[in-house]
Amino acid sequence: MRLWHENLIAKLPAQQLLGQHRECCALRGNGWGKKYSVVDYVFLYSPYKFFQYAKLH
């Protein structure tokens, strides 16, 4: 699982954008706070910041 930098989201091809969306969905809801070694850093910030990031799609 990886999260692309927000400046790259508008440049992602459709398949990568779909993958990014699925990864965001996996983190929210019941996935919030579960261990994901690559993206654990997102849990250091407010869930609202993640919501703002996810809305960029």
C-alpha atoms as a PDB file:
ATOM      1  CA  MET A   1       0.000   0.000   0.000  1.00  0.00           C
ATOM      2  CA  ARG A   2       1.287   3.452  -0.872  1.00  0.00           C
ATOM      3  CA  LEU A   3      -0.168   6.916  -0.959  1.00  0.00           C
ATOM      4  CA  TRP A   4       0.947   9.170  -3.792  1.00  0.00           C
ATOM      5  CA  HIS A   5       1.989  12.746  -3.112  1.00  0.00           C
ATOM      6  CA  GLU A   6      -0.981  15.072  -3.469  1.00  0.00           C
ATOM      7  CA  ASN A   7       0.691  16.980  -6.336  1.00  0.00           C
ATOM      8  CA  LEU A   8       0.841  13.783  -8.407  1.00  0.00           C
ATOM      9  CA  ILE A   9      -2.771  12.692  -8.032  1.00  0.00           C
ATOM     10  CA  ALA A  10      -4.033  14.774 -10.967  1.00  0.00           C
ATOM     11  CA  LYS A  11      -1.352  13.173 -13.186  1.00  0.00           C
ATOM     12  CA  LEU A  12      -2.061   9.536 -12.307  1.00  0.00           C
ATOM     13  CA  PRO A  13      -3.380   7.239 -15.039  1.00  0.00           C
ATOM     14  CA  ALA A  14      -6.869   5.845 -14.427  1.00  0.00           C
ATOM     15  CA  GLN A  15      -5.633   2.443 -13.173  1.00  0.00           C
ATOM     16  CA  GLN A  16      -3.280   3.993 -10.620  1.00  0.00           C
ATOM     17  CA  LEU A  17      -5.966   6.437  -9.531  1.00  0.00           C
ATOM     18  CA  LEU A  18      -8.368   3.547  -8.961  1.00  0.00           C
ATOM     19  CA  GLY A  19      -5.701   1.720  -6.949  1.00  0.00           C
ATOM     20  CA  GLN A  20      -5.092   4.851  -4.900  1.00  0.00           C
ATOM     21  CA  HIS A  21      -8.804   5.148  -4.196  1.00  0.00           C
ATOM     22  CA  ARG A  22      -8.974   1.512  -3.040  1.00  0.00           C
ATOM     23  CA  GLU A  23      -6.022   2.057  -0.723  1.00  0.00           C
ATOM     24  CA  CYS A  24      -7.691   5.105   0.805  1.00  0.00           C
ATOM     25  CA  CYS A  25     -10.884   3.091   1.327  1.00  0.00           C
ATOM     26  CA  ALA A  26      -8.885   0.344   3.042  1.00  0.00           C
ATOM     27  CA  LEU A  27      -7.546   2.849   5.587  1.00  0.00           C
ATOM     28  CA  ARG A  28     -10.786   4.539   6.532  1.00  0.00           C
ATOM     29  CA  GLY A  29     -13.602   3.092   8.582  1.00  0.00           C
ATOM     30  CA  ASN A  30     -12.678  -0.174  10.306  1.00  0.00           C
ATOM     31  CA  GLY A  31      -9.189  -0.005   8.785  1.00  0.00           C
ATOM     32  CA  TRP A  32      -8.353   3.227  10.588  1.00  0.00           C
ATOM     33  CA  GLY A  33      -5.587   2.668  13.105  1.00  0.00           C
ATOM     34  CA  LYS A  34      -4.697  -0.854  11.925  1.00  0.00           C
ATOM     35  CA  LYS A  35      -1.027  -1.488  11.187  1.00  0.00           C
ATOM     36  CA  TYR A  36       0.101  -0.739   7.625  1.00  0.00           C
ATOM     37  CA  SER A  37       3.881  -0.501   7.803  1.00  0.00           C
ATOM     38  CA  VAL A  38       4.170   1.679   4.692  1.00  0.00           C
ATOM     39  CA  VAL A  39       1.528   4.256   5.646  1.00  0.00           C
ATOM     40  CA  ASP A  40       1.438   4.175   9.457  1.00  0.00           C
ATOM     41  CA  TYR A  41       2.528   7.817   9.374  1.00  0.00           C
ATOM     42  CA  VAL A  42      -0.999   8.877   8.360  1.00  0.00           C
ATOM     43  CA  PHE A  43      -2.192   7.969  11.863  1.00  0.00           C
ATOM     44  CA  LEU A  44       0.033  10.706  13.314  1.00  0.00           C
ATOM     45  CA  TYR A  45      -2.310  13.294  11.822  1.00  0.00           C
ATOM     46  CA  SER A  46      -5.958  14.159  12.230  1.00  0.00           C
ATOM     47  CA  PRO A  47      -8.389  11.859  10.388  1.00  0.00           C
ATOM     48  CA  TYR A  48      -9.752  15.053   8.840  1.00  0.00           C
ATOM     49  CA  LYS A  49      -6.439  15.562   7.000  1.00  0.00           C
ATOM     50  CA  PHE A  50      -6.790  12.091   5.523  1.00  0.00           C
ATOM     51  CA  PHE A  51     -10.358  12.918   4.514  1.00  0.00           C
ATOM     52  CA  GLN A  52      -9.077  16.021   2.718  1.00  0.00           C
ATOM     53  CA  TYR A  53      -6.422  13.943   0.956  1.00  0.00           C
ATOM     54  CA  ALA A  54      -8.929  11.280  -0.096  1.00  0.00           C
ATOM     55  CA  LYS A  55     -11.209  13.950  -1.585  1.00  0.00           C
ATOM     56  CA  LEU A  56      -8.451  14.890  -4.058  1.00  0.00           C
ATOM     57  CA  HIS A  57      -9.342  11.856  -6.148  1.00  0.00           C
END
